Amino acid sequence: MTDPNNAGRLGAAVPDWVPPMAPDGAVLTGRYAMLAPLSAESHAALLYRAYEGQDHVWDYLPYGPFHSAALYHRWVRDHGGQHDPFFYAIRNLETGDWEGVASYLRIQPAAGSIEVGHINYSPALQQTRAGTETMYLMMKWAFEQGYRRYEWKCNALNAGSRRAAQRLGFSFEGVFRQAAVIKGRNRDTAWFAIIDAEWPALKEAFEAWLSPANFDAQGQQRERLGDLTGLVRSAGDPSL
């Protein structure tokens, strides 16, 4: 059988490819979470209060912990407003508080690839509907703009991040050994990704999980997100 487009030898054609736009600072709003471009003046003091005394949240990040509000304010001033990484502050609409940050990074419109990272949820945001919806909103924006590949990378020793990636529907793609030196220590990096063909089914999974009908009167989930996304993932993480 002939292959007139040489897909088997050269790769599938991507007809009429138009690179998507880079993040433009649009506020992302859902039922439980709102994301606004990170600003020292608007967010630093409130975020520092959420992180204060919780040094462990900085363990796998290349910066922090910050032991004064002034130091954290300076860091936010220097990193907020960049184009890559493009940082968001996260407001939990159920509490009304600013409780974390996340960013787009390694933004490559020509390749249709974008990564989510620098995720730092305060304890108040962890294991909440707002925290999950934050990831959904960022993913949704990327695929609706036309990105083909949405990446998640983490320290291979960070079991919590690897579990989160799998729960959110990212497929495991391998470990890059000795990928970096962070805070004077070796980092092997675990790679995960979602591609655009998987997004429609994942979108349905997120919307089913985030629906108020999925929670009882005490706010306990009826269906687990990982069970819903597991039907879509092409590869699980063998470490879990």
Protein backbone atom coordinates (compact mmCIF):
# COMPACT_ATOMS: atom_id res chain seq x y z
CA MET A 1 0.00 0.00 0.00
CA THR A 2 1.45 3.35 -1.02
CA ASP A 3 1.84 6.27 1.35
CA PRO A 4 1.51 9.32 -0.92
CA ASN A 5 2.10 11.78 1.92
CA ASN A 6 5.14 9.95 3.31
CA ALA A 7 3.54 10.06 6.76
CA GLY A 8 5.24 6.85 7.82
CA ARG A 9 8.68 8.11 6.83
CA LEU A 10 8.47 11.86 7.44
CA GLY A 11 5.61 12.29 9.91
CA ALA A 12 1.98 13.23 9.48
CA ALA A 13 1.27 16.44 7.61
CA VAL A 14 -0.11 19.35 9.62
CA PRO A 15 -2.12 21.22 6.99
CA ASP A 16 -2.96 24.90 7.32
CA TRP A 17 -0.90 25.18 10.51
CA VAL A 18 -1.17 28.61 12.13
CA PRO A 19 0.94 29.19 15.27
CA PRO A 20 -1.19 30.23 18.25
CA MET A 21 -0.75 33.47 20.16
CA ALA A 22 1.39 33.74 23.27
CA PRO A 23 -0.36 34.36 26.61
CA ASP A 24 -1.74 37.88 26.58
CA GLY A 25 -2.61 38.46 30.23
CA ALA A 26 -6.29 37.65 29.97
CA VAL A 27 -7.91 37.04 33.34
CA LEU A 28 -9.11 33.43 33.55
CA THR A 29 -12.25 32.95 35.61
CA GLY A 30 -14.18 29.85 36.56
CA ARG A 31 -16.70 28.79 39.19
CA TYR A 32 -14.11 28.29 41.95
CA ALA A 33 -10.94 30.08 40.84
CA MET A 34 -9.77 33.28 39.19
CA LEU A 35 -6.32 33.80 37.70
CA ALA A 36 -4.88 37.28 37.21
CA PRO A 37 -1.41 38.28 35.96
CA LEU A 38 0.93 38.28 38.94
CA SER A 39 1.63 41.76 40.33
CA ALA A 40 3.85 42.72 43.26
CA GLU A 41 1.55 45.58 44.24
CA SER A 42 -1.65 43.56 44.08
CA HIS A 43 -0.57 40.11 45.22
CA ALA A 44 2.84 39.83 46.90
CA ALA A 45 1.81 40.69 50.46
CA LEU A 46 -1.29 38.48 50.34
CA LEU A 47 0.56 35.55 48.83
CA TYR A 48 3.40 35.87 51.34
CA ARG A 49 0.82 35.61 54.11
CA ALA A 50 -0.52 32.40 52.54
CA TYR A 51 2.98 30.88 52.29
CA GLU A 52 4.39 32.17 55.59
CA GLY A 53 5.70 29.39 57.83
CA GLN A 54 5.20 26.76 55.10
CA ASP A 55 8.77 26.41 53.85
CA HIS A 56 8.13 22.93 52.43
CA VAL A 57 6.11 24.38 49.54
CA TRP A 58 9.39 25.68 48.07
CA ASP A 59 11.27 22.36 48.25
CA TYR A 60 11.19 21.55 44.54
CA LEU A 61 11.27 25.10 43.17
CA PRO A 62 14.57 26.74 42.10
CA TYR A 63 13.94 29.71 44.43
CA GLY A 64 12.59 30.29 47.93
CA PRO A 65 11.71 30.00 50.70
CA PHE A 66 11.44 33.72 51.41
CA HIS A 67 11.82 34.66 55.04
CA SER A 68 10.45 38.19 54.82
CA ALA A 69 7.62 39.90 52.99
CA ALA A 70 10.14 42.32 51.47
CA LEU A 71 12.18 39.52 49.90
CA TYR A 72 9.10 37.92 48.40
CA HIS A 73 7.83 41.28 47.16
CA ARG A 74 11.16 41.82 45.38
CA TRP A 75 10.97 38.39 43.77
CA VAL A 76 7.41 39.00 42.53
CA ARG A 77 8.38 42.46 41.28
CA ASP A 78 11.27 40.97 39.29
CA HIS A 79 9.31 38.02 37.84
CA GLY A 80 5.74 39.24 37.47
CA GLY A 81 5.09 40.78 34.07
CA GLN A 82 7.60 38.63 32.19
CA HIS A 83 6.56 37.07 28.91
CA ASP A 84 8.14 33.67 29.65
CA PRO A 85 7.52 32.45 32.30
CA PHE A 86 4.17 34.21 32.37
CA PHE A 87 2.96 34.11 35.97
CA TYR A 88 -0.59 34.11 37.30
CA ALA A 89 -1.75 34.73 40.85
CA ILE A 90 -4.58 32.39 41.89
CA ARG A 91 -7.60 33.54 43.86
CA ASN A 92 -9.75 30.91 45.52
CA LEU A 93 -13.27 32.22 44.93
CA GLU A 94 -14.64 30.02 47.70
CA THR A 95 -12.48 31.76 50.32
CA GLY A 96 -11.90 35.08 48.53
CA ASP A 97 -8.14 34.82 49.16
CA TRP A 98 -5.09 34.82 46.91
CA GLU A 99 -3.56 31.43 47.65
CA GLY A 100 -1.03 30.44 45.00
CA VAL A 101 0.75 31.00 41.70
CA ALA A 102 1.29 29.11 38.45
CA SER A 103 2.79 30.02 35.11
CA TYR A 104 3.02 29.25 31.45
CA LEU A 105 6.62 28.71 30.37
CA ARG A 106 8.73 27.40 27.52
CA ILE A 107 6.15 29.02 25.29
CA GLN A 108 6.82 27.98 21.68
CA PRO A 109 3.98 29.09 19.42
CA ALA A 110 5.82 28.02 16.26
CA ALA A 111 5.86 24.45 17.54
CA GLY A 112 2.43 24.71 19.16
CA SER A 113 3.94 23.76 22.52
CA ILE A 114 3.48 25.34 25.94
CA GLU A 115 4.26 24.18 29.48
CA VAL A 116 2.57 24.76 32.82
CA GLY A 117 4.94 25.12 35.76
CA HIS A 118 6.25 27.14 38.70
CA ILE A 119 3.11 25.82 40.40
CA ASN A 120 3.13 26.81 44.07
CA TYR A 121 -0.10 26.19 45.93
CA SER A 122 -0.25 27.30 49.53
CA PRO A 123 -1.68 24.68 51.91
CA ALA A 124 -5.02 26.53 51.77
CA LEU A 125 -5.25 25.91 48.01
CA GLN A 126 -4.05 22.33 47.96
CA GLN A 127 -6.67 19.61 47.39
CA THR A 128 -9.42 22.14 46.64
CA ARG A 129 -11.82 22.60 43.77
CA ALA A 130 -10.17 25.96 43.09
CA GLY A 131 -6.78 24.30 42.75
CA THR A 132 -8.06 21.77 40.24
CA GLU A 133 -10.05 24.35 38.31
CA THR A 134 -6.92 26.51 38.02
CA MET A 135 -5.22 23.74 36.06
CA TYR A 136 -8.32 23.25 33.93
CA LEU A 137 -8.57 26.97 33.10
CA MET A 138 -4.92 27.19 32.05
CA MET A 139 -5.19 24.02 29.97
CA LYS A 140 -8.43 25.20 28.37
CA TRP A 141 -6.94 28.54 27.36
CA ALA A 142 -3.95 26.86 25.73
CA PHE A 143 -5.90 24.37 23.66
CA GLU A 144 -8.53 26.91 22.66
CA GLN A 145 -5.75 29.12 21.30
CA GLY A 146 -4.56 26.24 19.12
CA TYR A 147 -1.63 24.77 21.02
CA ARG A 148 -0.95 21.16 20.07
CA ARG A 149 1.05 20.08 23.11
CA TYR A 150 0.70 21.01 26.79
CA GLU A 151 3.60 19.96 29.01
CA TRP A 152 4.20 19.29 32.70
CA LYS A 153 7.70 18.65 34.04
CA CYS A 154 8.79 18.08 37.62
CA ASN A 155 11.59 16.77 39.77
CA ALA A 156 11.42 13.00 39.43
CA LEU A 157 11.59 12.74 43.24
CA ASN A 158 8.48 14.91 43.64
CA ALA A 159 5.91 12.15 44.05
CA GLY A 160 3.13 14.63 44.78
CA SER A 161 3.68 16.47 41.50
CA ARG A 162 3.83 13.21 39.57
CA ARG A 163 0.54 12.08 41.13
CA ALA A 164 -1.03 15.45 40.33
CA ALA A 165 0.05 15.26 36.68
CA GLN A 166 -1.49 11.84 36.27
CA ARG A 167 -4.71 12.86 38.04
CA LEU A 168 -5.01 15.86 35.69
CA GLY A 169 -4.74 13.67 32.61
CA PHE A 170 -1.11 14.12 31.62
CA SER A 171 0.55 11.09 30.06
CA PHE A 172 3.98 10.04 31.30
CA GLU A 173 6.74 10.38 28.69
CA GLY A 174 9.88 9.45 30.61
CA VAL A 175 12.64 10.74 32.88
CA PHE A 176 15.52 12.92 31.71
CA ARG A 177 18.43 11.91 33.95
CA GLN A 178 20.70 14.60 35.43
CA ALA A 179 18.69 17.28 33.67
CA ALA A 180 19.64 20.12 36.02
CA VAL A 181 21.32 21.20 39.23
CA ILE A 182 18.81 22.94 41.51
CA LYS A 183 19.83 24.45 44.84
CA GLY A 184 23.05 22.49 44.66
CA ARG A 185 21.35 19.13 44.13
CA ASN A 186 20.91 16.88 41.12
CA ARG A 187 17.52 16.92 39.44
CA ASP A 188 16.21 14.17 37.23
CA THR A 189 13.16 15.52 35.42
CA ALA A 190 9.96 13.57 34.81
CA TRP A 191 8.12 14.60 31.64
CA PHE A 192 4.36 14.52 31.08
CA ALA A 193 2.17 15.95 28.31
CA ILE A 194 -1.32 16.25 26.89
CA ILE A 195 -1.86 16.63 23.16
CA ASP A 196 -4.73 18.34 21.39
CA ALA A 197 -6.37 15.09 20.27
CA GLU A 198 -6.86 14.19 23.95
CA TRP A 199 -8.27 17.55 24.99
CA PRO A 200 -11.97 17.12 24.07
CA ALA A 201 -12.32 14.02 26.25
CA LEU A 202 -10.29 15.57 29.07
CA LYS A 203 -12.42 18.71 28.90
CA GLU A 204 -15.52 16.57 29.43
CA ALA A 205 -13.82 14.83 32.37
CA PHE A 206 -12.92 18.12 34.05
CA GLU A 207 -16.35 19.60 33.52
CA ALA A 208 -18.02 16.49 34.96
CA TRP A 209 -15.74 16.61 38.01
CA LEU A 210 -16.12 20.36 38.56
CA SER A 211 -19.91 20.25 38.30
CA PRO A 212 -21.64 21.06 41.60
CA ALA A 213 -23.58 17.82 41.12
CA ASN A 214 -20.32 15.91 41.67
CA PHE A 215 -20.11 17.07 45.29
CA ASP A 216 -22.30 16.25 48.26
CA ALA A 217 -23.53 18.73 50.87
CA GLN A 218 -20.19 18.46 52.72
CA GLY A 219 -18.21 19.19 49.55
CA GLN A 220 -16.97 15.60 49.16
CA GLN A 221 -16.49 14.39 45.61
CA ARG A 222 -18.72 11.67 44.24
CA GLU A 223 -16.45 10.73 41.31
CA ARG A 224 -12.66 11.04 41.39
CA LEU A 225 -11.03 13.10 38.64
CA GLY A 226 -8.29 10.52 38.21
CA ASP A 227 -10.86 7.87 37.38
CA LEU A 228 -12.32 10.11 34.67
CA THR A 229 -9.00 11.19 33.15
CA GLY A 230 -7.62 7.68 33.35
CA LEU A 231 -9.86 6.76 30.45
CA VAL A 232 -7.98 9.30 28.28
CA ARG A 233 -4.33 9.08 29.32
CA SER A 234 -2.17 7.21 26.82
CA ALA A 235 0.55 6.29 29.34
CA GLY A 236 0.53 6.02 33.12
CA ASP A 237 3.43 6.85 35.41
CA PRO A 238 5.05 3.53 36.41
CA SER A 239 6.32 5.04 39.68
CA LEU A 240 2.76 5.38 41.01
